[in-house]
């Protein structure tokens, strides 16, 4: 029997929708905002949809080697 994973709660602010990711620092709980675009994190969305010119302008030379451009 499989258990269904709960979808994370989406929050909104002036920059868009995000989910909260919790972590601990020196025994205190903190969180970071992970912004969501079309249901996936913004970093992954950028990597999937960036063209070589955009990657060069942003200085992501190591990603160009991975994508074979």
PDB file of N, CA and C in Angstrom:
ATOM      1  N   UNK A   1       0.845  -1.174   0.000  1.00  0.00           N
ATOM      2  CA  UNK A   1       0.000   0.000   0.000  1.00  0.00           C
ATOM      3  C   UNK A   1       0.893   1.241   0.000  1.00  0.00           C
ATOM      4  N   UNK A   2       0.665   2.141  -0.972  1.00  0.00           N
ATOM      5  CA  UNK A   2       1.452   3.360  -1.067  1.00  0.00           C
ATOM      6  C   UNK A   2       0.768   4.484  -0.303  1.00  0.00           C
ATOM      7  N   UNK A   3       1.604   5.296   0.314  1.00  0.00           N
ATOM      8  CA  UNK A   3       1.087   6.493   0.956  1.00  0.00           C
ATOM      9  C   UNK A   3       1.236   7.664  -0.008  1.00  0.00           C
ATOM     10  N   UNK A   4       0.247   8.487  -0.056  1.00  0.00           N
ATOM     11  CA  UNK A   4       0.323   9.663  -0.913  1.00  0.00           C
ATOM     12  C   UNK A   4       1.133  10.739  -0.228  1.00  0.00           C
ATOM     13  N   UNK A   5       2.040  11.341  -0.993  1.00  0.00           N
ATOM     14  CA  UNK A   5       2.815  12.454  -0.455  1.00  0.00           C
ATOM     15  C   UNK A   5       1.962  13.699  -0.428  1.00  0.00           C
ATOM     16  N   UNK A   6       2.106  14.454   0.634  1.00  0.00           N
ATOM     17  CA  UNK A   6       1.386  15.717   0.721  1.00  0.00           C
ATOM     18  C   UNK A   6       2.086  16.754  -0.143  1.00  0.00           C
ATOM     19  N   UNK A   7       1.309  17.528  -0.849  1.00  0.00           N
ATOM     20  CA  UNK A   7       1.885  18.620  -1.608  1.00  0.00           C
ATOM     21  C   UNK A   7       2.207  19.747  -0.641  1.00  0.00           C
ATOM     22  N   UNK A   8       3.353  20.396  -0.827  1.00  0.00           N
ATOM     23  CA  UNK A   8       3.703  21.499   0.078  1.00  0.00           C
ATOM     24  C   UNK A   8       2.736  22.671  -0.096  1.00  0.00           C
ATOM     25  N   UNK A   9       2.519  23.376   0.986  1.00  0.00           N
ATOM     26  CA  UNK A   9       1.638  24.531   0.957  1.00  0.00           C
ATOM     27  C   UNK A   9       2.313  25.675   0.212  1.00  0.00           C
ATOM     28  N   UNK A  10       1.578  26.318  -0.676  1.00  0.00           N
ATOM     29  CA  UNK A  10       2.096  27.446  -1.433  1.00  0.00           C
ATOM     30  C   UNK A  10       1.748  28.744  -0.725  1.00  0.00           C
ATOM     31  N   UNK A  11       2.717  29.604  -0.600  1.00  0.00           N
ATOM     32  CA  UNK A  11       2.530  30.925  -0.016  1.00  0.00           C
ATOM     33  C   UNK A  11       2.727  31.952  -1.118  1.00  0.00           C
ATOM     34  N   UNK A  12       2.211  33.146  -0.922  1.00  0.00           N
ATOM     35  CA  UNK A  12       2.361  34.208  -1.916  1.00  0.00           C
ATOM     36  C   UNK A  12       2.903  35.465  -1.259  1.00  0.00           C
ATOM     37  N   UNK A  13       3.766  36.160  -1.986  1.00  0.00           N
ATOM     38  CA  UNK A  13       4.196  37.488  -1.587  1.00  0.00           C
ATOM     39  C   UNK A  13       4.305  38.333  -2.856  1.00  0.00           C
ATOM     40  N   UNK A  14       4.905  39.506  -2.746  1.00  0.00           N
ATOM     41  CA  UNK A  14       4.958  40.403  -3.905  1.00  0.00           C
ATOM     42  C   UNK A  14       5.830  39.858  -5.035  1.00  0.00           C
ATOM     43  N   UNK A  15       6.736  38.907  -4.757  1.00  0.00           N
ATOM     44  CA  UNK A  15       7.616  38.350  -5.779  1.00  0.00           C
ATOM     45  C   UNK A  15       7.047  37.103  -6.439  1.00  0.00           C
ATOM     46  N   UNK A  16       5.981  36.523  -5.918  1.00  0.00           N
ATOM     47  CA  UNK A  16       5.378  35.341  -6.523  1.00  0.00           C
ATOM     48  C   UNK A  16       5.064  34.269  -5.496  1.00  0.00           C
ATOM     49  N   UNK A  17       4.824  33.046  -5.988  1.00  0.00           N
ATOM     50  CA  UNK A  17       4.507  31.921  -5.120  1.00  0.00           C
ATOM     51  C   UNK A  17       5.788  31.237  -4.666  1.00  0.00           C
ATOM     52  N   UNK A  18       5.769  30.709  -3.434  1.00  0.00           N
ATOM     53  CA  UNK A  18       6.924  30.011  -2.902  1.00  0.00           C
ATOM     54  C   UNK A  18       6.483  28.960  -1.906  1.00  0.00           C
ATOM     55  N   UNK A  19       7.394  28.016  -1.636  1.00  0.00           N
ATOM     56  CA  UNK A  19       7.202  27.063  -0.557  1.00  0.00           C
ATOM     57  C   UNK A  19       8.292  27.324   0.470  1.00  0.00           C
ATOM     58  N   UNK A  20       8.027  26.928   1.706  1.00  0.00           N
ATOM     59  CA  UNK A  20       9.014  27.115   2.766  1.00  0.00           C
ATOM     60  C   UNK A  20       9.772  25.815   2.977  1.00  0.00           C
ATOM     61  N   UNK A  21      11.100  25.910   3.055  1.00  0.00           N
ATOM     62  CA  UNK A  21      11.926  24.760   3.384  1.00  0.00           C
ATOM     63  C   UNK A  21      12.584  25.051   4.727  1.00  0.00           C
ATOM     64  N   UNK A  22      12.321  24.182   5.698  1.00  0.00           N
ATOM     65  CA  UNK A  22      12.795  24.386   7.050  1.00  0.00           C
ATOM     66  C   UNK A  22      14.148  23.727   7.263  1.00  0.00           C
ATOM     67  N   UNK A  23      15.003  24.346   8.100  1.00  0.00           N
ATOM     68  CA  UNK A  23      16.294  23.788   8.480  1.00  0.00           C
ATOM     69  C   UNK A  23      16.674  24.335   9.849  1.00  0.00           C
ATOM     70  N   UNK A  24      17.688  23.713  10.462  1.00  0.00           N
ATOM     71  CA  UNK A  24      18.131  24.113  11.789  1.00  0.00           C
ATOM     72  C   UNK A  24      19.528  24.707  11.737  1.00  0.00           C
ATOM     73  N   UNK A  25      19.732  25.802  12.499  1.00  0.00           N
ATOM     74  CA  UNK A  25      21.034  26.421  12.670  1.00  0.00           C
ATOM     75  C   UNK A  25      21.224  26.651  14.160  1.00  0.00           C
ATOM     76  N   UNK A  26      22.223  25.963  14.732  1.00  0.00           N
ATOM     77  CA  UNK A  26      22.538  26.085  16.167  1.00  0.00           C
ATOM     78  C   UNK A  26      21.305  25.897  17.053  1.00  0.00           C
ATOM     79  N   UNK A  27      20.498  24.906  16.695  1.00  0.00           N
ATOM     80  CA  UNK A  27      19.339  24.566  17.514  1.00  0.00           C
ATOM     81  C   UNK A  27      18.117  25.425  17.277  1.00  0.00           C
ATOM     82  N   UNK A  28      18.179  26.360  16.359  1.00  0.00           N
ATOM     83  CA  UNK A  28      17.024  27.207  16.060  1.00  0.00           C
ATOM     84  C   UNK A  28      16.512  26.876  14.667  1.00  0.00           C
ATOM     85  N   UNK A  29      15.198  26.844  14.551  1.00  0.00           N
ATOM     86  CA  UNK A  29      14.584  26.513  13.279  1.00  0.00           C
ATOM     87  C   UNK A  29      14.442  27.760  12.418  1.00  0.00           C
ATOM     88  N   UNK A  30      14.885  27.670  11.180  1.00  0.00           N
ATOM     89  CA  UNK A  30      14.780  28.762  10.225  1.00  0.00           C
ATOM     90  C   UNK A  30      14.205  28.204   8.942  1.00  0.00           C
ATOM     91  N   UNK A  31      13.850  29.094   8.012  1.00  0.00           N
ATOM     92  CA  UNK A  31      13.352  28.621   6.729  1.00  0.00           C
ATOM     93  C   UNK A  31      13.857  29.508   5.605  1.00  0.00           C
ATOM     94  N   UNK A  32      13.869  28.923   4.403  1.00  0.00           N
ATOM     95  CA  UNK A  32      14.182  29.676   3.201  1.00  0.00           C
ATOM     96  C   UNK A  32      12.989  29.580   2.268  1.00  0.00           C
ATOM     97  N   UNK A  33      12.847  30.579   1.422  1.00  0.00           N
ATOM     98  CA  UNK A  33      11.772  30.593   0.444  1.00  0.00           C
ATOM     99  C   UNK A  33      12.300  30.015  -0.867  1.00  0.00           C
ATOM    100  N   UNK A  34      11.605  29.039  -1.402  1.00  0.00           N
ATOM    101  CA  UNK A  34      11.942  28.470  -2.703  1.00  0.00           C
ATOM    102  C   UNK A  34      10.812  28.865  -3.645  1.00  0.00           C
ATOM    103  N   UNK A  35      11.112  29.778  -4.564  1.00  0.00           N
ATOM    104  CA  UNK A  35      10.091  30.281  -5.475  1.00  0.00           C
ATOM    105  C   UNK A  35       9.755  29.238  -6.533  1.00  0.00           C
ATOM    106  N   UNK A  36       8.478  29.186  -6.908  1.00  0.00           N
ATOM    107  CA  UNK A  36       7.939  28.176  -7.798  1.00  0.00           C
ATOM    108  C   UNK A  36       7.464  28.833  -9.092  1.00  0.00           C
ATOM    109  N   UNK A  37       7.849  28.238 -10.246  1.00  0.00           N
ATOM    110  CA  UNK A  37       7.359  28.671 -11.551  1.00  0.00           C
ATOM    111  C   UNK A  37       6.810  27.426 -12.248  1.00  0.00           C
ATOM    112  N   UNK A  38       5.558  27.448 -12.599  1.00  0.00           N
ATOM    113  CA  UNK A  38       4.893  26.322 -13.275  1.00  0.00           C
ATOM    114  C   UNK A  38       5.047  25.015 -12.515  1.00  0.00           C
ATOM    115  N   UNK A  39       5.048  25.063 -11.199  1.00  0.00           N
ATOM    116  CA  UNK A  39       5.092  23.854 -10.383  1.00  0.00           C
ATOM    117  C   UNK A  39       6.465  23.293 -10.104  1.00  0.00           C
ATOM    118  N   UNK A  40       7.536  23.915 -10.602  1.00  0.00           N
ATOM    119  CA  UNK A  40       8.888  23.450 -10.312  1.00  0.00           C
ATOM    120  C   UNK A  40       9.686  24.626  -9.747  1.00  0.00           C
ATOM    121  N   UNK A  41      10.725  24.347  -8.938  1.00  0.00           N
ATOM    122  CA  UNK A  41      11.530  25.429  -8.382  1.00  0.00           C
ATOM    123  C   UNK A  41      12.151  26.299  -9.480  1.00  0.00           C
ATOM    124  N   UNK A  42      12.333  27.565  -9.175  1.00  0.00           N
ATOM    125  CA  UNK A  42      12.804  28.542 -10.161  1.00  0.00           C
ATOM    126  C   UNK A  42      14.181  28.184 -10.715  1.00  0.00           C
ATOM    127  N   UNK A  43      15.071  27.615  -9.900  1.00  0.00           N
ATOM    128  CA  UNK A  43      16.405  27.235 -10.380  1.00  0.00           C
ATOM    129  C   UNK A  43      16.325  26.146 -11.445  1.00  0.00           C
ATOM    130  N   UNK A  44      15.499  25.134 -11.201  1.00  0.00           N
ATOM    131  CA  UNK A  44      15.341  24.060 -12.181  1.00  0.00           C
ATOM    132  C   UNK A  44      14.670  24.576 -13.447  1.00  0.00           C
ATOM    133  N   UNK A  45      13.707  25.471 -13.301  1.00  0.00           N
ATOM    134  CA  UNK A  45      13.029  26.052 -14.455  1.00  0.00           C
ATOM    135  C   UNK A  45      14.023  26.816 -15.319  1.00  0.00           C
ATOM    136  N   UNK A  46      14.914  27.565 -14.676  1.00  0.00           N
ATOM    137  CA  UNK A  46      15.948  28.319 -15.396  1.00  0.00           C
ATOM    138  C   UNK A  46      16.870  27.380 -16.170  1.00  0.00           C
ATOM    139  N   UNK A  47      17.309  26.286 -15.527  1.00  0.00           N
ATOM    140  CA  UNK A  47      18.217  25.357 -16.182  1.00  0.00           C
ATOM    141  C   UNK A  47      17.562  24.640 -17.354  1.00  0.00           C
ATOM    142  N   UNK A  48      16.288  24.332 -17.242  1.00  0.00           N
ATOM    143  CA  UNK A  48      15.590  23.618 -18.313  1.00  0.00           C
ATOM    144  C   UNK A  48      15.302  24.517 -19.504  1.00  0.00           C
ATOM    145  N   UNK A  49      15.097  25.814 -19.288  1.00  0.00           N
ATOM    146  CA  UNK A  49      14.627  26.695 -20.348  1.00  0.00           C
ATOM    147  C   UNK A  49      15.649  27.728 -20.820  1.00  0.00           C
ATOM    148  N   UNK A  50      16.854  27.710 -20.272  1.00  0.00           N
ATOM    149  CA  UNK A  50      17.852  28.712 -20.668  1.00  0.00           C
ATOM    150  C   UNK A  50      18.516  28.329 -21.980  1.00  0.00           C
ATOM    151  N   UNK A  51      18.766  29.328 -22.807  1.00  0.00           N
ATOM    152  CA  UNK A  51      19.499  29.101 -24.043  1.00  0.00           C
ATOM    153  C   UNK A  51      20.974  29.444 -23.808  1.00  0.00           C
ATOM    154  N   UNK A  52      21.863  29.070 -24.729  1.00  0.00           N
ATOM    155  CA  UNK A  52      23.295  29.296 -24.515  1.00  0.00           C
ATOM    156  C   UNK A  52      23.671  30.761 -24.309  1.00  0.00           C
ATOM    157  N   UNK A  53      23.006  31.668 -24.986  1.00  0.00           N
ATOM    158  CA  UNK A  53      23.335  33.084 -24.845  1.00  0.00           C
ATOM    159  C   UNK A  53      23.026  33.567 -23.425  1.00  0.00           C
ATOM    160  N   UNK A  54      21.887  33.147 -22.890  1.00  0.00           N
ATOM    161  CA  UNK A  54      21.519  33.525 -21.523  1.00  0.00           C
ATOM    162  C   UNK A  54      22.523  32.966 -20.521  1.00  0.00           C
ATOM    163  N   UNK A  55      22.932  31.715 -20.710  1.00  0.00           N
ATOM    164  CA  UNK A  55      23.911  31.117 -19.800  1.00  0.00           C
ATOM    165  C   UNK A  55      25.243  31.858 -19.861  1.00  0.00           C
ATOM    166  N   UNK A  56      25.669  32.262 -21.046  1.00  0.00           N
ATOM    167  CA  UNK A  56      26.913  33.023 -21.169  1.00  0.00           C
ATOM    168  C   UNK A  56      26.812  34.379 -20.494  1.00  0.00           C
ATOM    169  N   UNK A  57      25.680  35.068 -20.670  1.00  0.00           N
ATOM    170  CA  UNK A  57      25.511  36.388 -20.072  1.00  0.00           C
ATOM    171  C   UNK A  57      25.490  36.314 -18.558  1.00  0.00           C
ATOM    172  N   UNK A  58      24.963  35.221 -18.015  1.00  0.00           N
ATOM    173  CA  UNK A  58      24.889  35.076 -16.562  1.00  0.00           C
ATOM    174  C   UNK A  58      26.141  34.433 -15.970  1.00  0.00           C
ATOM    175  N   UNK A  59      27.069  33.993 -16.815  1.00  0.00           N
ATOM    176  CA  UNK A  59      28.340  33.462 -16.333  1.00  0.00           C
ATOM    177  C   UNK A  59      28.296  32.010 -15.909  1.00  0.00           C
ATOM    178  N   UNK A  60      27.360  31.230 -16.428  1.00  0.00           N
ATOM    179  CA  UNK A  60      27.240  29.812 -16.078  1.00  0.00           C
ATOM    180  C   UNK A  60      27.961  28.964 -17.129  1.00  0.00           C
ATOM    181  N   UNK A  61      29.296  29.086 -17.187  1.00  0.00           N
ATOM    182  CA  UNK A  61      30.085  28.394 -18.197  1.00  0.00           C
ATOM    183  C   UNK A  61      30.081  26.891 -17.975  1.00  0.00           C
ATOM    184  N   UNK A  62      30.048  26.450 -16.714  1.00  0.00           N
ATOM    185  CA  UNK A  62      30.067  25.017 -16.427  1.00  0.00           C
ATOM    186  C   UNK A  62      28.792  24.334 -16.927  1.00  0.00           C
ATOM    187  N   UNK A  63      27.691  25.047 -16.964  1.00  0.00           N
ATOM    188  CA  UNK A  63      26.445  24.466 -17.467  1.00  0.00           C
ATOM    189  C   UNK A  63      26.481  24.291 -18.979  1.00  0.00           C
ATOM    190  N   UNK A  64      27.215  25.152 -19.670  1.00  0.00           N
ATOM    191  CA  UNK A  64      27.342  24.999 -21.115  1.00  0.00           C
ATOM    192  C   UNK A  64      28.044  23.691 -21.469  1.00  0.00           C
ATOM    193  N   UNK A  65      29.051  23.298 -20.671  1.00  0.00           N
ATOM    194  CA  UNK A  65      29.737  22.039 -20.915  1.00  0.00           C
ATOM    195  C   UNK A  65      28.812  20.848 -20.664  1.00  0.00           C
ATOM    196  N   UNK A  66      27.958  20.953 -19.666  1.00  0.00           N
ATOM    197  CA  UNK A  66      27.033  19.860 -19.359  1.00  0.00           C
ATOM    198  C   UNK A  66      25.983  19.690 -20.450  1.00  0.00           C
ATOM    199  N   UNK A  67      25.554  20.791 -21.046  1.00  0.00           N
ATOM    200  CA  UNK A  67      24.509  20.748 -22.064  1.00  0.00           C
ATOM    201  C   UNK A  67      25.099  20.468 -23.440  1.00  0.00           C
ATOM    202  N   UNK A  68      26.437  20.514 -23.573  1.00  0.00           N
ATOM    203  CA  UNK A  68      27.159  20.264 -24.834  1.00  0.00           C
ATOM    204  C   UNK A  68      26.901  21.304 -25.895  1.00  0.00           C
ATOM    205  N   UNK A  69      26.991  22.566 -25.531  1.00  0.00           N
ATOM    206  CA  UNK A  69      26.878  23.648 -26.517  1.00  0.00           C
ATOM    207  C   UNK A  69      28.252  24.147 -26.868  1.00  0.00           C
TER     208      UNK A  69
END
